[in-house]
């Protein structure tokens, strides 16, 4: 089970919604099988972290490019809003 709800827009684009009640224990380090871009549509109190880097705030409008097989995760503060992102597989 994933810590988000997902809506498929096309074969390459999905909208993912992370609830403010998501537990950080559910937001695990992971790697993806393909290159992706992640655009933040809305949310506050969320952070993106790559392996061996400090977490950075995820702000609406920000775009993160994630190379395949790169360790990364999202994290949240205790007092956060819902996070909505657009995930696009890069071909």
N, C-alpha and C. Protein backbone atom coordinates (compact mmCIF):
# COMPACT_ATOMS: atom_id res chain seq x y z
N UNK A 1 0.84 -1.18 0.00
CA UNK A 1 0.00 0.00 0.00
C UNK A 1 0.88 1.24 0.00
N UNK A 2 0.53 2.21 -0.84
CA UNK A 2 1.31 3.43 -0.95
C UNK A 2 0.76 4.52 -0.03
N UNK A 3 1.61 5.46 0.39
CA UNK A 3 1.16 6.54 1.29
C UNK A 3 0.50 7.70 0.54
N UNK A 4 -0.02 7.45 -0.65
CA UNK A 4 -0.65 8.49 -1.45
C UNK A 4 -1.81 7.90 -2.25
N UNK A 5 -2.69 8.79 -2.70
CA UNK A 5 -3.72 8.42 -3.65
C UNK A 5 -3.24 8.88 -5.02
N UNK A 6 -3.58 8.11 -6.06
CA UNK A 6 -3.05 8.42 -7.38
C UNK A 6 -4.17 8.48 -8.41
N UNK A 7 -4.08 9.48 -9.27
CA UNK A 7 -5.02 9.64 -10.38
C UNK A 7 -4.21 9.61 -11.67
N UNK A 8 -4.54 8.69 -12.56
CA UNK A 8 -3.82 8.58 -13.83
C UNK A 8 -4.38 9.59 -14.82
N UNK A 9 -3.51 10.44 -15.35
CA UNK A 9 -3.89 11.44 -16.34
C UNK A 9 -3.64 10.91 -17.74
N UNK A 10 -2.49 10.25 -17.92
CA UNK A 10 -2.12 9.63 -19.19
C UNK A 10 -1.15 8.49 -18.88
N UNK A 11 -0.61 7.87 -19.92
CA UNK A 11 0.35 6.79 -19.70
C UNK A 11 1.62 7.27 -19.01
N UNK A 12 1.91 8.56 -19.12
CA UNK A 12 3.15 9.08 -18.54
C UNK A 12 2.95 10.07 -17.40
N UNK A 13 1.72 10.49 -17.14
CA UNK A 13 1.46 11.52 -16.13
C UNK A 13 0.45 11.03 -15.10
N UNK A 14 0.78 11.25 -13.81
CA UNK A 14 -0.11 10.89 -12.71
C UNK A 14 -0.13 12.03 -11.70
N UNK A 15 -1.24 12.20 -11.03
CA UNK A 15 -1.36 13.14 -9.93
C UNK A 15 -1.37 12.34 -8.65
N UNK A 16 -0.49 12.67 -7.72
CA UNK A 16 -0.42 11.98 -6.44
C UNK A 16 -0.76 12.96 -5.32
N UNK A 17 -1.59 12.49 -4.39
CA UNK A 17 -2.00 13.29 -3.25
C UNK A 17 -1.58 12.60 -1.97
N UNK A 18 -0.78 13.29 -1.18
CA UNK A 18 -0.34 12.80 0.12
C UNK A 18 -1.13 13.54 1.18
N UNK A 19 -1.80 12.81 2.05
CA UNK A 19 -2.60 13.43 3.10
C UNK A 19 -1.71 14.01 4.19
N UNK A 20 -2.21 15.03 4.85
CA UNK A 20 -1.46 15.65 5.94
C UNK A 20 -1.32 14.69 7.12
N UNK A 21 -2.13 13.65 7.15
CA UNK A 21 -2.05 12.66 8.23
C UNK A 21 -1.09 11.52 7.92
N UNK A 22 -0.41 11.57 6.74
CA UNK A 22 0.57 10.54 6.41
C UNK A 22 1.65 10.47 7.48
N UNK A 23 2.05 9.27 7.82
CA UNK A 23 3.11 9.08 8.81
C UNK A 23 4.46 9.09 8.11
N UNK A 24 5.46 9.73 8.73
CA UNK A 24 6.79 9.73 8.14
C UNK A 24 7.33 8.31 7.98
N UNK A 25 6.90 7.39 8.82
CA UNK A 25 7.33 5.99 8.70
C UNK A 25 6.84 5.36 7.39
N UNK A 26 5.77 5.90 6.82
CA UNK A 26 5.24 5.41 5.54
C UNK A 26 5.97 6.02 4.34
N UNK A 27 6.64 7.12 4.58
CA UNK A 27 7.32 7.86 3.52
C UNK A 27 8.77 7.39 3.44
N UNK A 28 8.96 6.24 2.85
CA UNK A 28 10.25 5.55 2.90
C UNK A 28 11.17 5.95 1.75
N UNK A 29 12.47 5.75 1.98
CA UNK A 29 13.45 5.90 0.92
C UNK A 29 13.10 4.89 -0.17
N UNK A 30 13.22 5.32 -1.44
CA UNK A 30 12.94 4.40 -2.54
C UNK A 30 13.66 4.87 -3.81
N UNK A 31 13.66 3.97 -4.80
CA UNK A 31 14.22 4.27 -6.12
C UNK A 31 13.15 3.96 -7.16
N UNK A 32 13.17 4.69 -8.26
CA UNK A 32 12.22 4.48 -9.34
C UNK A 32 12.90 3.79 -10.51
N UNK A 33 12.11 3.09 -11.32
CA UNK A 33 12.65 2.34 -12.45
C UNK A 33 12.89 3.20 -13.69
N UNK A 34 12.40 4.45 -13.67
CA UNK A 34 12.59 5.34 -14.80
C UNK A 34 12.85 6.76 -14.32
N UNK A 35 13.40 7.58 -15.23
CA UNK A 35 13.57 9.00 -14.92
C UNK A 35 12.20 9.64 -14.78
N UNK A 36 12.07 10.59 -13.86
CA UNK A 36 10.79 11.26 -13.61
C UNK A 36 11.02 12.72 -13.30
N UNK A 37 9.97 13.50 -13.56
CA UNK A 37 9.94 14.85 -13.03
C UNK A 37 8.73 14.93 -12.11
N UNK A 38 8.89 15.67 -11.03
CA UNK A 38 7.83 15.85 -10.05
C UNK A 38 7.61 17.34 -9.89
N UNK A 39 6.39 17.79 -10.20
CA UNK A 39 6.03 19.20 -10.06
C UNK A 39 5.06 19.34 -8.90
N UNK A 40 5.38 20.23 -7.97
CA UNK A 40 4.53 20.45 -6.81
C UNK A 40 3.37 21.35 -7.23
N UNK A 41 2.14 20.84 -7.07
CA UNK A 41 0.95 21.62 -7.41
C UNK A 41 0.45 22.40 -6.20
N UNK A 42 0.45 21.76 -5.03
CA UNK A 42 0.08 22.48 -3.80
C UNK A 42 0.60 21.72 -2.60
N UNK A 43 0.73 22.46 -1.50
CA UNK A 43 1.18 21.85 -0.26
C UNK A 43 2.16 22.75 0.47
N UNK A 44 2.20 22.58 1.79
CA UNK A 44 3.20 23.28 2.60
C UNK A 44 3.58 22.38 3.76
N UNK A 45 4.83 22.50 4.19
CA UNK A 45 5.33 21.68 5.28
C UNK A 45 5.89 20.35 4.83
N UNK A 46 6.16 20.21 3.52
CA UNK A 46 6.72 18.98 2.96
C UNK A 46 8.14 19.23 2.46
N UNK A 47 8.96 18.18 2.46
CA UNK A 47 10.36 18.27 2.06
C UNK A 47 10.71 17.13 1.11
N UNK A 48 11.63 17.41 0.20
CA UNK A 48 12.17 16.40 -0.71
C UNK A 48 13.63 16.18 -0.33
N UNK A 49 14.06 14.93 -0.31
CA UNK A 49 15.44 14.62 0.04
C UNK A 49 16.00 13.55 -0.88
N UNK A 50 17.19 13.85 -1.42
CA UNK A 50 17.95 12.85 -2.18
C UNK A 50 18.99 12.25 -1.24
N UNK A 51 19.48 11.07 -1.57
CA UNK A 51 20.50 10.41 -0.77
C UNK A 51 21.73 11.33 -0.65
N UNK A 52 22.26 11.42 0.56
CA UNK A 52 23.45 12.23 0.87
C UNK A 52 23.24 13.73 0.66
N UNK A 53 21.98 14.20 0.71
CA UNK A 53 21.69 15.62 0.61
C UNK A 53 20.74 16.00 1.74
N UNK A 54 20.74 17.28 2.10
CA UNK A 54 19.80 17.78 3.09
C UNK A 54 18.41 17.92 2.48
N UNK A 55 17.36 17.77 3.27
CA UNK A 55 16.01 17.97 2.75
C UNK A 55 15.79 19.42 2.32
N UNK A 56 15.02 19.61 1.25
CA UNK A 56 14.68 20.95 0.78
C UNK A 56 13.16 21.10 0.78
N UNK A 57 12.65 22.28 1.11
CA UNK A 57 11.20 22.49 1.13
C UNK A 57 10.60 22.27 -0.26
N UNK A 58 9.45 21.61 -0.31
CA UNK A 58 8.71 21.42 -1.55
C UNK A 58 7.69 22.55 -1.65
N UNK A 59 7.91 23.46 -2.59
CA UNK A 59 7.06 24.63 -2.74
C UNK A 59 6.26 24.53 -4.04
N UNK A 60 5.02 25.01 -4.04
CA UNK A 60 4.22 24.99 -5.27
C UNK A 60 4.97 25.63 -6.43
N UNK A 61 4.95 24.94 -7.57
CA UNK A 61 5.65 25.41 -8.77
C UNK A 61 7.03 24.80 -8.94
N UNK A 62 7.63 24.29 -7.86
CA UNK A 62 8.95 23.68 -7.95
C UNK A 62 8.87 22.38 -8.76
N UNK A 63 9.92 22.10 -9.53
CA UNK A 63 10.01 20.86 -10.31
C UNK A 63 11.30 20.15 -9.92
N UNK A 64 11.19 18.87 -9.62
CA UNK A 64 12.33 18.04 -9.26
C UNK A 64 12.51 16.97 -10.33
N UNK A 65 13.72 16.88 -10.89
CA UNK A 65 14.03 15.81 -11.84
C UNK A 65 14.75 14.72 -11.07
N UNK A 66 14.24 13.50 -11.19
CA UNK A 66 14.78 12.37 -10.44
C UNK A 66 15.25 11.32 -11.44
N UNK A 67 16.53 11.05 -11.44
CA UNK A 67 17.09 10.03 -12.33
C UNK A 67 16.72 8.64 -11.81
N UNK A 68 16.52 7.69 -12.71
CA UNK A 68 16.17 6.34 -12.29
C UNK A 68 17.25 5.77 -11.38
N UNK A 69 16.82 4.94 -10.47
CA UNK A 69 17.68 4.24 -9.50
C UNK A 69 18.36 5.18 -8.51
N UNK A 70 17.87 6.41 -8.36
CA UNK A 70 18.40 7.36 -7.40
C UNK A 70 17.56 7.30 -6.13
N UNK A 71 18.19 7.10 -4.99
CA UNK A 71 17.48 7.04 -3.71
C UNK A 71 16.93 8.42 -3.38
N UNK A 72 15.66 8.46 -2.95
CA UNK A 72 15.03 9.72 -2.57
C UNK A 72 13.79 9.43 -1.71
N UNK A 73 13.26 10.49 -1.10
CA UNK A 73 12.04 10.37 -0.30
C UNK A 73 11.41 11.74 -0.13
N UNK A 74 10.15 11.73 0.33
CA UNK A 74 9.50 12.95 0.79
C UNK A 74 9.30 12.82 2.29
N UNK A 75 9.28 13.95 2.96
CA UNK A 75 9.10 13.99 4.41
C UNK A 75 8.11 15.12 4.70
N UNK A 76 7.53 15.09 5.90
CA UNK A 76 6.60 16.15 6.25
C UNK A 76 6.84 16.63 7.67
N UNK A 77 6.47 17.89 7.91
CA UNK A 77 6.46 18.43 9.27
C UNK A 77 5.17 17.98 9.93
N UNK A 78 5.13 18.10 11.23
CA UNK A 78 3.94 17.70 11.97
C UNK A 78 2.73 18.53 11.54
N UNK A 79 2.93 19.81 11.35
CA UNK A 79 1.84 20.71 10.96
C UNK A 79 1.98 21.03 9.48
N UNK A 80 1.44 20.16 8.62
CA UNK A 80 1.55 20.36 7.18
C UNK A 80 0.17 20.29 6.54
N UNK A 81 0.09 20.71 5.29
CA UNK A 81 -1.14 20.59 4.53
C UNK A 81 -1.05 19.35 3.64
N UNK A 82 -2.09 19.09 2.90
CA UNK A 82 -2.07 18.03 1.90
C UNK A 82 -1.04 18.40 0.82
N UNK A 83 -0.32 17.41 0.30
CA UNK A 83 0.65 17.63 -0.77
C UNK A 83 0.10 17.01 -2.05
N UNK A 84 0.08 17.80 -3.13
CA UNK A 84 -0.37 17.30 -4.43
C UNK A 84 0.76 17.54 -5.42
N UNK A 85 1.19 16.47 -6.11
CA UNK A 85 2.27 16.57 -7.08
C UNK A 85 1.85 15.92 -8.40
N UNK A 86 2.45 16.41 -9.47
CA UNK A 86 2.28 15.81 -10.79
C UNK A 86 3.56 15.05 -11.10
N UNK A 87 3.44 13.75 -11.33
CA UNK A 87 4.60 12.90 -11.60
C UNK A 87 4.56 12.53 -13.09
N UNK A 88 5.66 12.86 -13.79
CA UNK A 88 5.74 12.57 -15.22
C UNK A 88 6.93 11.65 -15.49
N UNK A 89 6.67 10.53 -16.15
CA UNK A 89 7.75 9.66 -16.60
C UNK A 89 8.45 10.32 -17.77
N UNK A 90 9.76 10.42 -17.70
CA UNK A 90 10.53 11.04 -18.77
C UNK A 90 11.00 9.95 -19.73
N UNK A 91 10.74 10.16 -20.99
CA UNK A 91 11.09 9.16 -22.01
C UNK A 91 12.40 9.46 -22.66
